[in-house]
Amino acid sequence: MMLVTSNDGKYEEYREIFRENNEELSLFKKKYPEEQLDSLRKVVERSLYYLTGIMQEEFFIDDSGLFIESLNGFPGPYSSYVFKTLGNDGILKLMDKMERRNATFQTVIAFYDSSPHFFAGEVKGTIATSKRGDNGFGFDPIFMPSGSYLTFAEMSRSEKNASSHRANAASQFMAFLKKRKL
């Protein structure tokens, strides 16, 4: 299976998930247009159709977003842009003195094998009051999944993959791939 991304952290997470499922994963490292649209599904659909003109084999992509309740779902599908412009420090500043810190991390995987297939996953949690941990990438240092006192960045990749939004979407994708082999 081929993952198209320029994000090494994303690739490493998927590589571990695929290995645990006895599936091969290769990387096509490429930046591609990710339009700023109002849902993750729309973002991956548009990117998928762009890539179908380039890719000659089956492939998948994903887009993830952090949806913070007290910020009305912001940054949501704009998470990549917001991370590049505001970063974790900017989100923490926006949330300064906010008591309600509930958030949801979501991922949508788009797989193409002559037709598109979509798989969504999420994990609920809270926004920490400060950055913690050195693992992971993106908003991992400020997101704590429900039931944990650790941020994703304080967890090992295996610990994160046990409950993350990406792992939840990948679980559905793996089930689809296994069913397709039968």
C-alpha atoms as a PDB file:
ATOM      1  CA  MET A   1       0.000   0.000   0.000  1.00  0.00           C
ATOM      2  CA  MET A   2       1.195   3.510  -0.798  1.00  0.00           C
ATOM      3  CA  LEU A   3       0.760   6.516   1.520  1.00  0.00           C
ATOM      4  CA  VAL A   4       1.117   9.915  -0.122  1.00  0.00           C
ATOM      5  CA  THR A   5       2.295  12.551   2.353  1.00  0.00           C
ATOM      6  CA  SER A   6       5.145  14.932   3.082  1.00  0.00           C
ATOM      7  CA  ASN A   7       4.678  14.405   6.851  1.00  0.00           C
ATOM      8  CA  ASP A   8       7.276  11.976   8.216  1.00  0.00           C
ATOM      9  CA  GLY A   9       5.483  11.695  11.576  1.00  0.00           C
ATOM     10  CA  LYS A  10       2.273  10.622   9.879  1.00  0.00           C
ATOM     11  CA  TYR A  11       4.166   8.038   7.843  1.00  0.00           C
ATOM     12  CA  GLU A  12       5.848   6.596  10.949  1.00  0.00           C
ATOM     13  CA  GLU A  13       2.486   6.234  12.720  1.00  0.00           C
ATOM     14  CA  TYR A  14       0.922   4.476   9.746  1.00  0.00           C
ATOM     15  CA  ARG A  15       3.989   2.301   9.228  1.00  0.00           C
ATOM     16  CA  GLU A  16       3.628   0.931  12.762  1.00  0.00           C
ATOM     17  CA  ILE A  17      -0.126   0.371  12.314  1.00  0.00           C
ATOM     18  CA  PHE A  18       0.425  -1.457   9.023  1.00  0.00           C
ATOM     19  CA  ARG A  19       3.240  -3.562  10.502  1.00  0.00           C
ATOM     20  CA  GLU A  20       0.967  -4.631  13.382  1.00  0.00           C
ATOM     21  CA  ASN A  21      -1.598  -5.714  10.776  1.00  0.00           C
ATOM     22  CA  ASN A  22       0.970  -7.599   8.659  1.00  0.00           C
ATOM     23  CA  GLU A  23       0.524  -5.152   5.806  1.00  0.00           C
ATOM     24  CA  GLU A  24       3.249  -3.522   3.731  1.00  0.00           C
ATOM     25  CA  LEU A  25       3.395   0.266   3.548  1.00  0.00           C
ATOM     26  CA  SER A  26       5.485   2.417   1.275  1.00  0.00           C
ATOM     27  CA  LEU A  27       5.793   6.176   1.127  1.00  0.00           C
ATOM     28  CA  PHE A  28       5.412   8.485  -1.828  1.00  0.00           C
ATOM     29  CA  LYS A  29       6.743  11.669  -0.269  1.00  0.00           C
ATOM     30  CA  LYS A  30       4.938  14.487  -1.981  1.00  0.00           C
ATOM     31  CA  LYS A  31       3.317  17.763  -1.128  1.00  0.00           C
ATOM     32  CA  TYR A  32      -0.010  18.197  -2.837  1.00  0.00           C
ATOM     33  CA  PRO A  33      -2.681  20.904  -2.753  1.00  0.00           C
ATOM     34  CA  GLU A  34      -4.881  20.843   0.339  1.00  0.00           C
ATOM     35  CA  GLU A  35      -7.598  23.374  -0.207  1.00  0.00           C
ATOM     36  CA  GLN A  36      -9.001  25.166   2.810  1.00  0.00           C
ATOM     37  CA  LEU A  37     -12.519  23.737   2.836  1.00  0.00           C
ATOM     38  CA  ASP A  38     -15.120  23.472   5.596  1.00  0.00           C
ATOM     39  CA  SER A  39     -14.754  19.741   6.323  1.00  0.00           C
ATOM     40  CA  LEU A  40     -11.974  17.178   6.450  1.00  0.00           C
ATOM     41  CA  ARG A  41     -13.929  14.941   4.074  1.00  0.00           C
ATOM     42  CA  LYS A  42     -14.098  17.708   1.449  1.00  0.00           C
ATOM     43  CA  VAL A  43     -10.366  18.394   1.848  1.00  0.00           C
ATOM     44  CA  VAL A  44      -9.367  14.752   1.262  1.00  0.00           C
ATOM     45  CA  GLU A  45     -11.875  14.328  -1.576  1.00  0.00           C
ATOM     46  CA  ARG A  46     -10.408  17.298  -3.444  1.00  0.00           C
ATOM     47  CA  SER A  47      -6.818  16.191  -2.780  1.00  0.00           C
ATOM     48  CA  LEU A  48      -7.633  12.614  -3.777  1.00  0.00           C
ATOM     49  CA  TYR A  49      -8.981  13.682  -7.143  1.00  0.00           C
ATOM     50  CA  TYR A  50      -5.919  15.838  -7.747  1.00  0.00           C
ATOM     51  CA  LEU A  51      -3.636  12.879  -6.997  1.00  0.00           C
ATOM     52  CA  THR A  52      -5.543  10.403  -9.187  1.00  0.00           C
ATOM     53  CA  GLY A  53      -4.088  12.275 -12.166  1.00  0.00           C
ATOM     54  CA  ILE A  54      -0.563  11.641 -10.882  1.00  0.00           C
ATOM     55  CA  MET A  55      -0.581   8.242  -9.164  1.00  0.00           C
ATOM     56  CA  GLN A  56      -0.449   5.052 -11.213  1.00  0.00           C
ATOM     57  CA  GLU A  57      -1.219   2.655  -8.344  1.00  0.00           C
ATOM     58  CA  GLU A  58      -3.489   2.348  -5.332  1.00  0.00           C
ATOM     59  CA  PHE A  59      -2.780   4.939  -2.668  1.00  0.00           C
ATOM     60  CA  PHE A  60      -4.219   6.698   0.345  1.00  0.00           C
ATOM     61  CA  ILE A  61      -3.981  10.086   2.006  1.00  0.00           C
ATOM     62  CA  ASP A  62      -5.435  11.566   5.164  1.00  0.00           C
ATOM     63  CA  ASP A  63      -6.292  14.850   6.730  1.00  0.00           C
ATOM     64  CA  SER A  64      -6.690  15.467  10.428  1.00  0.00           C
ATOM     65  CA  GLY A  65      -8.138  18.283  12.456  1.00  0.00           C
ATOM     66  CA  LEU A  66      -8.343  19.410  16.054  1.00  0.00           C
ATOM     67  CA  PHE A  67     -11.847  20.579  16.957  1.00  0.00           C
ATOM     68  CA  ILE A  68     -11.965  22.612  20.188  1.00  0.00           C
ATOM     69  CA  GLU A  69     -15.472  22.983  21.652  1.00  0.00           C
ATOM     70  CA  SER A  70     -14.992  26.335  23.415  1.00  0.00           C
ATOM     71  CA  LEU A  71     -13.573  27.784  20.167  1.00  0.00           C
ATOM     72  CA  ASN A  72     -16.641  26.612  18.202  1.00  0.00           C
ATOM     73  CA  GLY A  73     -14.710  23.771  16.565  1.00  0.00           C
ATOM     74  CA  PHE A  74     -11.708  25.902  15.616  1.00  0.00           C
ATOM     75  CA  PRO A  75      -9.239  25.125  14.102  1.00  0.00           C
ATOM     76  CA  GLY A  76     -11.058  22.076  12.673  1.00  0.00           C
ATOM     77  CA  PRO A  77     -10.330  21.479   8.982  1.00  0.00           C
ATOM     78  CA  TYR A  78      -7.975  24.478   9.036  1.00  0.00           C
ATOM     79  CA  SER A  79      -5.666  22.804  11.578  1.00  0.00           C
ATOM     80  CA  SER A  80      -2.633  22.502   9.312  1.00  0.00           C
ATOM     81  CA  TYR A  81      -2.741  26.183   8.402  1.00  0.00           C
ATOM     82  CA  VAL A  82      -3.428  27.220  12.004  1.00  0.00           C
ATOM     83  CA  PHE A  83      -0.567  25.080  13.263  1.00  0.00           C
ATOM     84  CA  LYS A  84       1.807  26.739  10.772  1.00  0.00           C
ATOM     85  CA  THR A  85       0.634  30.241  11.693  1.00  0.00           C
ATOM     86  CA  LEU A  86      -0.299  30.077  15.406  1.00  0.00           C
ATOM     87  CA  GLY A  87       1.241  26.808  16.548  1.00  0.00           C
ATOM     88  CA  ASN A  88       0.600  25.231  19.918  1.00  0.00           C
ATOM     89  CA  ASP A  89       1.525  28.448  21.720  1.00  0.00           C
ATOM     90  CA  GLY A  90      -1.148  30.358  19.797  1.00  0.00           C
ATOM     91  CA  ILE A  91      -3.848  27.813  20.622  1.00  0.00           C
ATOM     92  CA  LEU A  92      -2.834  27.867  24.294  1.00  0.00           C
ATOM     93  CA  LYS A  93      -3.000  31.657  24.270  1.00  0.00           C
ATOM     94  CA  LEU A  94      -6.505  31.565  22.752  1.00  0.00           C
ATOM     95  CA  MET A  95      -7.532  29.138  25.484  1.00  0.00           C
ATOM     96  CA  ASP A  96      -5.909  31.042  28.335  1.00  0.00           C
ATOM     97  CA  LYS A  97      -8.302  31.204  31.303  1.00  0.00           C
ATOM     98  CA  MET A  98     -10.881  28.973  29.568  1.00  0.00           C
ATOM     99  CA  GLU A  99     -12.255  26.313  31.864  1.00  0.00           C
ATOM    100  CA  ARG A 100     -13.983  24.209  29.189  1.00  0.00           C
ATOM    101  CA  ARG A 101     -11.093  22.577  27.352  1.00  0.00           C
ATOM    102  CA  ASN A 102     -12.903  19.697  25.578  1.00  0.00           C
ATOM    103  CA  ALA A 103     -11.643  18.853  22.120  1.00  0.00           C
ATOM    104  CA  THR A 104     -11.868  16.142  19.487  1.00  0.00           C
ATOM    105  CA  PHE A 105      -9.118  15.055  17.123  1.00  0.00           C
ATOM    106  CA  GLN A 106     -10.496  13.705  13.835  1.00  0.00           C
ATOM    107  CA  THR A 107      -8.943  11.982  10.822  1.00  0.00           C
ATOM    108  CA  VAL A 108     -10.393  11.117   7.437  1.00  0.00           C
ATOM    109  CA  ILE A 109      -8.519   8.614   5.268  1.00  0.00           C
ATOM    110  CA  ALA A 110      -9.166   8.640   1.515  1.00  0.00           C
ATOM    111  CA  PHE A 111      -8.139   5.480  -0.358  1.00  0.00           C
ATOM    112  CA  TYR A 112      -8.164   5.186  -4.139  1.00  0.00           C
ATOM    113  CA  ASP A 113      -8.268   1.868  -6.023  1.00  0.00           C
ATOM    114  CA  SER A 114     -10.060   3.023  -9.202  1.00  0.00           C
ATOM    115  CA  SER A 115     -12.794   4.428  -6.958  1.00  0.00           C
ATOM    116  CA  PRO A 116     -12.633   6.437  -3.721  1.00  0.00           C
ATOM    117  CA  HIS A 117     -13.207   4.998  -0.251  1.00  0.00           C
ATOM    118  CA  PHE A 118     -13.317   7.016   2.985  1.00  0.00           C
ATOM    119  CA  PHE A 119     -12.685   6.061   6.611  1.00  0.00           C
ATOM    120  CA  ALA A 120     -13.104   8.397   9.580  1.00  0.00           C
ATOM    121  CA  GLY A 121     -11.828   8.183  13.117  1.00  0.00           C
ATOM    122  CA  GLU A 122     -11.826  10.409  16.152  1.00  0.00           C
ATOM    123  CA  VAL A 123     -10.722  10.598  19.743  1.00  0.00           C
ATOM    124  CA  LYS A 124     -12.156  12.875  22.393  1.00  0.00           C
ATOM    125  CA  GLY A 125     -10.004  14.616  24.951  1.00  0.00           C
ATOM    126  CA  THR A 126      -8.956  17.952  26.386  1.00  0.00           C
ATOM    127  CA  ILE A 127      -6.467  20.701  25.673  1.00  0.00           C
ATOM    128  CA  ALA A 128      -3.645  20.819  28.226  1.00  0.00           C
ATOM    129  CA  THR A 129      -2.738  24.123  29.882  1.00  0.00           C
ATOM    130  CA  SER A 130       0.854  23.907  28.593  1.00  0.00           C
ATOM    131  CA  LYS A 131       2.890  22.034  25.991  1.00  0.00           C
ATOM    132  CA  ARG A 132       4.159  18.693  27.255  1.00  0.00           C
ATOM    133  CA  GLY A 133       6.256  15.970  25.660  1.00  0.00           C
ATOM    134  CA  ASP A 134       8.656  15.618  22.770  1.00  0.00           C
ATOM    135  CA  ASN A 135       7.079  12.829  20.732  1.00  0.00           C
ATOM    136  CA  GLY A 136       4.625  13.071  17.873  1.00  0.00           C
ATOM    137  CA  PHE A 137       3.990  16.194  15.832  1.00  0.00           C
ATOM    138  CA  GLY A 138       1.517  19.004  15.320  1.00  0.00           C
ATOM    139  CA  PHE A 139      -0.888  19.541  18.203  1.00  0.00           C
ATOM    140  CA  ASP A 140       0.255  16.364  20.035  1.00  0.00           C
ATOM    141  CA  PRO A 141       1.973  18.356  22.857  1.00  0.00           C
ATOM    142  CA  ILE A 142      -1.329  19.999  23.881  1.00  0.00           C
ATOM    143  CA  PHE A 143      -3.895  17.219  23.339  1.00  0.00           C
ATOM    144  CA  MET A 144      -4.736  14.721  26.103  1.00  0.00           C
ATOM    145  CA  PRO A 145      -7.068  11.882  25.075  1.00  0.00           C
ATOM    146  CA  SER A 146      -9.926  11.129  27.470  1.00  0.00           C
ATOM    147  CA  GLY A 147      -8.880   8.899  30.331  1.00  0.00           C
ATOM    148  CA  SER A 148      -5.229   9.933  30.118  1.00  0.00           C
ATOM    149  CA  TYR A 149      -3.203  12.492  32.002  1.00  0.00           C
ATOM    150  CA  LEU A 150      -0.557  12.354  29.236  1.00  0.00           C
ATOM    151  CA  THR A 151      -0.565  14.364  26.034  1.00  0.00           C
ATOM    152  CA  PHE A 152      -0.031  12.479  22.777  1.00  0.00           C
ATOM    153  CA  ALA A 153       3.509  13.947  22.740  1.00  0.00           C
ATOM    154  CA  GLU A 154       4.240  12.325  26.114  1.00  0.00           C
ATOM    155  CA  MET A 155       3.231   8.900  24.795  1.00  0.00           C
ATOM    156  CA  SER A 156       5.258   6.453  22.762  1.00  0.00           C
ATOM    157  CA  ARG A 157       4.062   5.952  19.209  1.00  0.00           C
ATOM    158  CA  SER A 158       2.580   2.591  20.261  1.00  0.00           C
ATOM    159  CA  GLU A 159       0.677   4.190  23.141  1.00  0.00           C
ATOM    160  CA  LYS A 160      -0.685   6.914  20.855  1.00  0.00           C
ATOM    161  CA  ASN A 161      -1.624   4.366  18.191  1.00  0.00           C
ATOM    162  CA  ALA A 162      -3.643   2.436  20.760  1.00  0.00           C
ATOM    163  CA  SER A 163      -6.325   5.152  20.798  1.00  0.00           C
ATOM    164  CA  SER A 164      -5.600   7.983  18.380  1.00  0.00           C
ATOM    165  CA  HIS A 165      -7.926   9.447  15.765  1.00  0.00           C
ATOM    166  CA  ARG A 166      -5.569   8.230  13.039  1.00  0.00           C
ATOM    167  CA  ALA A 167      -5.450   4.710  14.493  1.00  0.00           C
ATOM    168  CA  ASN A 168      -9.265   4.618  14.726  1.00  0.00           C
ATOM    169  CA  ALA A 169      -9.613   5.556  11.048  1.00  0.00           C
ATOM    170  CA  ALA A 170      -6.810   3.138  10.122  1.00  0.00           C
ATOM    171  CA  SER A 171      -8.600   0.309  11.945  1.00  0.00           C
ATOM    172  CA  GLN A 172     -11.565   0.706   9.600  1.00  0.00           C
ATOM    173  CA  PHE A 173      -9.201   0.933   6.628  1.00  0.00           C
ATOM    174  CA  MET A 174      -7.395  -2.266   7.700  1.00  0.00           C
ATOM    175  CA  ALA A 175     -10.727  -4.101   8.018  1.00  0.00           C
ATOM    176  CA  PHE A 176     -11.638  -2.945   4.506  1.00  0.00           C
ATOM    177  CA  LEU A 177      -8.295  -4.134   3.098  1.00  0.00           C
ATOM    178  CA  LYS A 178      -8.603  -7.532   4.780  1.00  0.00           C
ATOM    179  CA  LYS A 179     -12.168  -8.005   3.529  1.00  0.00           C
ATOM    180  CA  ARG A 180     -11.056  -7.057   0.023  1.00  0.00           C
ATOM    181  CA  LYS A 181      -8.413  -9.827   0.055  1.00  0.00           C
ATOM    182  CA  LEU A 182     -11.031 -12.528   0.739  1.00  0.00           C
END
